[in-house]
Amino acid sequence: MGWTARNIPDQAGRTAVVTGANSGIGFVTALELARRGARVVLACRDKERGRAARDRLVRRLPEAGPRCELRLLDLGDLSSVRAFAGELPDERVDVLVNNAGVMALPYGRTADGFERQFGINHLGHFALTGLLLDRLLAAPAPRVVTVSSGLHALANIDMNDLNSERSYRRWLAYGRSKTANLLFTHELARRLADTPLVAAAAHPGYASTNLLTAGARMEGRRGVERVMRLGSRLVAQSAEAGALPTLYAATAPGVAADSFTGPRFLGWRGAPAPSWRAPWTLDDRASARLWAASERLTGVAYGIPA
């Protein structure tokens, strides 16, 4: 059967920040960490959906109510990222789960002018991790888990067109943003190799979440949305199953730095297992170049040597 949520070690006394915790993989991740005793910060963009998610979590786990807090975070707005980090009261963060993301949206820009998928999926999380780094390093055994995708294989990043200004193809842009997640994990692990922090990545395989239909819904393509919903019901695994690789990377003993965990069966579904990743996501030169560009674009300097 393999590793399940029942195998999550006790998380009492640990603080976890989960981005995009209002639905799907993020909600299940927050729920299961809270179930094991963690204090959980649900970092959500929308106040009403965030409140509804926290209420839903507390209905399922009444004893976790005092340990679950909603805080607003818009990864598409760096001022929101800075405000979130500045207002978070915790002196230490044990687990940061960089989960929130968008997929295959029509072209758009963030509040800071970045292409939306690159800006939210990568730059927002890059800035958040850097702003929380001192609190992560204050924890005895911290982890940063960044949720990528098997679809990173669609495309390497283009350092000459990070914001897709020359051309935009939504799925290629999504693949590049997920490649950026893996390059970020690779470089963070390399730079912090002499510290207790474990930087790891995970992906859910094909899981039934709102992410799958967001693009079609935004454009009013109801037929496409219905087909994708039907495919999810027939083929995709549940959000509960899709969250297992993330939960494994965040909690299981012996998780290696720069590891990439996904579903066991063809990276599609099943229990967590080591996942294939494209060779370009392990390129030291590319990860260093992306890191430098990300510091410049976000204005968040980590202050750790290359």
Protein backbone atom coordinates (compact mmCIF):
# COMPACT_ATOMS: atom_id res chain seq x y z
CA MET A 1 0.00 0.00 0.00
CA GLY A 2 2.89 2.35 0.72
CA TRP A 3 3.11 5.55 2.74
CA THR A 4 -0.18 7.17 3.76
CA ALA A 5 -1.29 10.10 5.90
CA ARG A 6 -1.41 7.71 8.85
CA ASN A 7 2.39 7.58 8.67
CA ILE A 8 2.84 11.32 9.31
CA PRO A 9 4.96 11.71 12.45
CA ASP A 10 3.75 13.75 15.41
CA GLN A 11 3.91 17.45 14.53
CA ALA A 12 3.11 18.88 17.98
CA GLY A 13 5.13 22.03 18.68
CA ARG A 14 5.86 22.66 15.01
CA THR A 15 4.55 25.58 12.96
CA ALA A 16 3.65 25.08 9.31
CA VAL A 17 2.79 27.71 6.70
CA VAL A 18 0.81 26.36 3.75
CA THR A 19 0.14 28.61 0.77
CA GLY A 20 -3.07 28.09 -1.18
CA ALA A 21 -4.61 26.25 1.75
CA ASN A 22 -8.19 27.12 0.90
CA SER A 23 -8.76 24.15 -1.44
CA GLY A 24 -7.33 21.04 -3.07
CA ILE A 25 -3.83 19.87 -2.20
CA GLY A 26 -3.21 22.85 0.07
CA PHE A 27 -6.31 22.28 2.17
CA VAL A 28 -5.58 18.58 2.62
CA THR A 29 -1.97 19.39 3.53
CA ALA A 30 -3.08 21.89 6.17
CA LEU A 31 -5.72 19.47 7.50
CA GLU A 32 -3.33 16.55 7.90
CA LEU A 33 -0.58 18.64 9.50
CA ALA A 34 -3.13 20.01 11.95
CA ARG A 35 -4.42 16.48 12.61
CA ARG A 36 -0.91 15.54 13.73
CA GLY A 37 -0.70 18.49 16.13
CA ALA A 38 0.99 21.26 14.13
CA ARG A 39 0.11 24.91 14.39
CA VAL A 40 -0.96 25.69 10.83
CA VAL A 41 -1.09 29.05 9.08
CA LEU A 42 -3.47 28.91 6.11
CA ALA A 43 -1.98 31.46 3.69
CA CYS A 44 -4.79 32.33 1.27
CA ARG A 45 -5.42 35.08 -1.26
CA ASP A 46 -9.17 35.43 -0.79
CA LYS A 47 -10.52 36.23 2.69
CA GLU A 48 -13.94 34.61 2.26
CA ARG A 49 -12.64 31.40 0.72
CA GLY A 50 -9.90 31.31 3.34
CA ARG A 51 -12.42 31.69 6.16
CA ALA A 52 -14.60 28.98 4.66
CA ALA A 53 -11.58 26.67 4.46
CA ARG A 54 -10.57 27.30 8.06
CA ASP A 55 -14.16 26.74 9.19
CA ARG A 56 -14.28 23.48 7.22
CA LEU A 57 -10.99 22.34 8.76
CA VAL A 58 -12.15 23.14 12.29
CA ARG A 59 -15.47 21.35 11.75
CA ARG A 60 -13.50 18.24 10.89
CA LEU A 61 -10.92 18.77 13.65
CA PRO A 62 -12.51 20.81 16.45
CA GLU A 63 -9.49 20.32 18.70
CA ALA A 64 -7.27 22.02 16.09
CA GLY A 65 -9.21 25.29 16.14
CA PRO A 66 -6.80 27.17 18.44
CA ARG A 67 -3.86 26.01 16.29
CA CYS A 68 -5.22 27.03 12.88
CA GLU A 69 -4.99 30.59 11.67
CA LEU A 70 -5.95 32.29 8.42
CA ARG A 71 -3.61 34.95 7.05
CA LEU A 72 -4.01 36.70 3.73
CA LEU A 73 -1.33 36.25 1.09
CA ASP A 74 -1.45 37.19 -2.60
CA LEU A 75 1.58 35.69 -4.30
CA GLY A 76 0.87 37.83 -7.35
CA ASP A 77 1.60 40.99 -5.36
CA LEU A 78 5.01 41.35 -3.73
CA SER A 79 3.70 43.99 -1.33
CA SER A 80 1.27 41.34 -0.03
CA VAL A 81 4.12 38.83 0.31
CA ARG A 82 6.15 41.35 2.32
CA ALA A 83 3.16 42.24 4.49
CA PHE A 84 2.44 38.57 5.20
CA ALA A 85 6.02 37.88 6.24
CA GLY A 86 6.26 41.07 8.28
CA GLU A 87 3.03 40.44 10.18
CA LEU A 88 3.51 36.73 10.87
CA PRO A 89 4.01 36.61 14.64
CA ASP A 90 5.93 33.34 14.83
CA GLU A 91 9.61 33.55 15.76
CA ARG A 92 10.23 30.28 13.95
CA VAL A 93 8.66 28.38 11.07
CA ASP A 94 9.32 24.64 10.95
CA VAL A 95 7.64 23.83 7.62
CA LEU A 96 6.93 26.06 4.65
CA VAL A 97 4.80 24.44 1.95
CA ASN A 98 4.95 26.47 -1.26
CA ASN A 99 1.79 24.98 -2.70
CA ALA A 100 -0.33 27.72 -4.26
CA GLY A 101 -0.25 28.10 -8.00
CA VAL A 102 -2.05 28.71 -11.27
CA MET A 103 -2.08 26.59 -14.40
CA ALA A 104 -2.42 27.31 -18.12
CA LEU A 105 -4.17 30.65 -17.69
CA PRO A 106 -4.66 33.14 -20.51
CA TYR A 107 -1.87 35.69 -20.64
CA GLY A 108 -1.89 38.14 -17.78
CA ARG A 109 0.44 40.03 -15.47
CA THR A 110 0.82 40.19 -11.72
CA ALA A 111 0.55 43.42 -9.74
CA ASP A 112 4.31 43.85 -10.24
CA GLY A 113 4.17 43.30 -14.00
CA PHE A 114 5.44 39.71 -14.19
CA GLU A 115 3.84 37.09 -16.44
CA ARG A 116 1.21 35.58 -14.18
CA GLN A 117 2.29 31.92 -14.07
CA PHE A 118 5.98 32.71 -13.58
CA GLY A 119 5.17 35.48 -11.12
CA ILE A 120 2.82 33.48 -8.90
CA ASN A 121 4.20 29.97 -9.19
CA HIS A 122 7.87 30.93 -8.84
CA LEU A 123 8.64 34.54 -7.95
CA GLY A 124 6.01 34.86 -5.23
CA HIS A 125 7.25 31.74 -3.49
CA PHE A 126 10.89 32.71 -4.01
CA ALA A 127 10.21 36.01 -2.23
CA LEU A 128 8.17 34.39 0.54
CA THR A 129 10.84 31.79 1.30
CA GLY A 130 13.56 34.44 1.41
CA LEU A 131 11.55 36.67 3.72
CA LEU A 132 10.89 33.75 6.09
CA LEU A 133 14.38 32.27 5.88
CA ASP A 134 15.63 33.56 9.24
CA ARG A 135 12.60 32.03 10.95
CA LEU A 136 13.06 28.76 9.10
CA LEU A 137 16.70 28.58 10.13
CA ALA A 138 15.64 29.24 13.74
CA ALA A 139 13.82 25.88 13.73
CA PRO A 140 15.72 22.71 14.69
CA ALA A 141 14.72 20.69 11.62
CA PRO A 142 13.12 23.01 9.06
CA ARG A 143 11.77 22.03 5.67
CA VAL A 144 10.77 23.98 2.59
CA VAL A 145 8.60 21.95 0.23
CA THR A 146 7.82 23.48 -3.16
CA VAL A 147 5.06 21.91 -5.22
CA SER A 148 6.10 21.48 -8.85
CA SER A 149 4.50 19.27 -11.51
CA GLY A 150 5.37 16.42 -13.81
CA LEU A 151 4.50 18.90 -16.56
CA HIS A 152 7.77 20.71 -15.87
CA ALA A 153 8.95 18.37 -18.64
CA LEU A 154 7.09 20.52 -21.16
CA ALA A 155 9.77 23.21 -21.16
CA ASN A 156 13.04 24.45 -19.73
CA ILE A 157 13.12 28.07 -18.62
CA ASP A 158 14.13 30.73 -21.12
CA MET A 159 16.48 33.09 -19.30
CA ASN A 160 16.11 35.58 -22.14
CA ASP A 161 12.31 35.68 -21.85
CA LEU A 162 11.35 34.87 -18.27
CA ASN A 163 8.13 36.87 -18.55
CA SER A 164 7.05 35.46 -21.94
CA GLU A 165 7.18 38.89 -23.54
CA ARG A 166 8.33 37.55 -26.92
CA SER A 167 5.68 34.86 -27.14
CA TYR A 168 3.18 33.18 -24.85
CA ARG A 169 1.88 29.65 -24.99
CA ARG A 170 0.02 28.87 -21.80
CA TRP A 171 1.14 25.27 -21.32
CA LEU A 172 4.77 26.04 -22.11
CA ALA A 173 4.64 28.95 -19.67
CA TYR A 174 3.21 26.62 -17.05
CA GLY A 175 5.96 24.06 -17.69
CA ARG A 176 8.61 26.76 -17.38
CA SER A 177 7.18 27.95 -14.08
CA LYS A 178 7.27 24.39 -12.74
CA THR A 179 10.84 23.97 -13.99
CA ALA A 180 11.61 27.18 -12.09
CA ASN A 181 10.20 25.55 -8.93
CA LEU A 182 12.63 22.66 -9.31
CA LEU A 183 15.61 24.89 -10.11
CA PHE A 184 14.76 26.97 -7.04
CA THR A 185 14.68 23.85 -4.87
CA HIS A 186 17.99 22.69 -6.37
CA GLU A 187 19.73 25.99 -5.69
CA LEU A 188 18.23 26.45 -2.21
CA ALA A 189 19.38 22.96 -1.24
CA ARG A 190 22.84 23.65 -2.63
CA ARG A 191 23.25 26.98 -0.84
CA LEU A 192 21.98 25.63 2.49
CA ALA A 193 23.78 22.29 2.37
CA ASP A 194 25.63 23.07 5.62
CA THR A 195 22.43 23.86 7.55
CA PRO A 196 19.66 21.61 8.95
CA LEU A 197 17.15 22.95 6.43
CA VAL A 198 15.87 20.43 3.88
CA ALA A 199 14.63 21.94 0.62
CA ALA A 200 12.59 19.37 -1.31
CA ALA A 201 10.01 19.32 -4.09
CA ALA A 202 6.88 17.29 -4.70
CA HIS A 203 4.10 16.93 -7.24
CA PRO A 204 0.59 15.47 -6.98
CA GLY A 205 0.40 13.58 -10.27
CA TYR A 206 -3.04 13.86 -11.83
CA ALA A 207 -5.23 15.00 -8.96
CA SER A 208 -8.74 16.37 -9.04
CA THR A 209 -8.49 20.01 -7.95
CA ASN A 210 -9.83 23.40 -9.02
CA LEU A 211 -6.49 24.09 -10.72
CA LEU A 212 -7.46 21.92 -13.66
CA THR A 213 -10.44 23.99 -14.75
CA ALA A 214 -9.43 27.52 -13.71
CA GLY A 215 -8.16 28.61 -17.12
CA ALA A 216 -11.22 27.38 -19.03
CA ARG A 217 -13.51 28.93 -16.44
CA MET A 218 -11.78 32.32 -16.67
CA GLU A 219 -12.30 32.37 -20.44
CA GLY A 220 -15.88 31.14 -20.30
CA ARG A 221 -15.02 27.96 -22.24
CA ARG A 222 -17.74 25.90 -20.63
CA GLY A 223 -17.37 22.94 -22.95
CA VAL A 224 -13.68 22.58 -22.18
CA GLU A 225 -14.40 23.01 -18.48
CA ARG A 226 -17.02 20.24 -18.57
CA VAL A 227 -14.66 17.87 -20.41
CA MET A 228 -11.89 18.51 -17.88
CA ARG A 229 -14.27 17.94 -14.99
CA LEU A 230 -15.40 14.68 -16.51
CA GLY A 231 -11.79 13.60 -17.03
CA SER A 232 -11.06 14.41 -13.41
CA ARG A 233 -13.95 12.28 -12.18
CA LEU A 234 -13.01 9.33 -14.39
CA VAL A 235 -9.21 9.33 -14.24
CA ALA A 236 -7.74 11.66 -11.62
CA GLN A 237 -6.98 10.64 -8.07
CA SER A 238 -8.48 12.56 -5.18
CA ALA A 239 -6.96 15.67 -3.64
CA GLU A 240 -6.36 13.54 -0.53
CA ALA A 241 -4.21 11.15 -2.55
CA GLY A 242 -2.59 13.99 -4.50
CA ALA A 243 -1.46 15.65 -1.27
CA LEU A 244 0.48 12.61 -0.07
CA PRO A 245 3.76 13.42 -1.92
CA THR A 246 3.72 16.92 -0.40
CA LEU A 247 3.00 15.57 3.08
CA TYR A 248 5.72 12.96 2.68
CA ALA A 249 8.29 15.58 1.66
CA ALA A 250 7.20 17.82 4.55
CA THR A 251 7.22 15.23 7.34
CA ALA A 252 8.74 11.83 6.56
CA PRO A 253 12.07 10.94 8.19
CA GLY A 254 15.07 10.83 5.91
CA VAL A 255 13.76 13.03 3.09
CA ALA A 256 16.81 14.09 1.08
CA ALA A 257 17.59 17.66 0.11
CA ASP A 258 16.68 18.40 -3.51
CA SER A 259 14.54 15.27 -3.74
CA PHE A 260 11.44 15.20 -5.93
CA THR A 261 8.53 13.08 -4.69
CA GLY A 262 5.47 12.15 -6.70
CA PRO A 263 2.95 9.32 -7.08
CA ARG A 264 4.50 5.89 -7.54
CA PHE A 265 2.60 4.70 -10.61
CA LEU A 266 4.08 6.44 -13.65
CA GLY A 267 4.10 9.72 -11.74
CA TRP A 268 0.32 9.70 -12.16
CA ARG A 269 -1.21 8.15 -9.05
CA GLY A 270 -0.37 6.03 -6.06
CA ALA A 271 1.73 6.26 -2.91
CA PRO A 272 4.66 8.71 -2.69
CA ALA A 273 7.89 7.65 -4.35
CA PRO A 274 10.96 9.26 -5.96
CA SER A 275 9.88 10.95 -9.17
CA TRP A 276 11.66 11.44 -12.49
CA ARG A 277 12.79 14.97 -13.24
CA ALA A 278 14.20 16.53 -16.37
CA PRO A 279 18.01 16.87 -16.42
CA TRP A 280 17.77 20.62 -16.89
CA THR A 281 16.28 20.96 -13.39
CA LEU A 282 19.62 19.81 -11.92
CA ASP A 283 21.77 22.28 -13.85
CA ASP A 284 23.90 24.28 -11.37
CA ARG A 285 24.54 27.09 -13.83
CA ALA A 286 20.87 27.50 -14.74
CA SER A 287 19.74 27.42 -11.10
CA ALA A 288 22.32 30.06 -10.15
CA ARG A 289 21.26 32.31 -13.04
CA LEU A 290 17.58 31.95 -12.15
CA TRP A 291 18.37 32.69 -8.49
CA ALA A 292 20.21 35.90 -9.39
CA ALA A 293 17.40 36.99 -11.69
CA SER A 294 14.79 36.20 -9.02
CA GLU A 295 16.61 38.27 -6.41
CA ARG A 296 16.78 41.16 -8.84
CA LEU A 297 13.15 40.92 -9.93
CA THR A 298 11.68 40.53 -6.44
CA GLY A 299 14.13 42.70 -4.52
CA VAL A 300 14.47 39.90 -1.96
CA ALA A 301 18.13 39.10 -1.26
CA TYR A 302 18.74 35.91 0.71
CA GLY A 303 22.22 36.88 1.85
CA ILE A 304 23.58 33.34 1.52
CA PRO A 305 26.61 32.62 -0.66
CA ALA A 306 26.42 30.87 -4.00
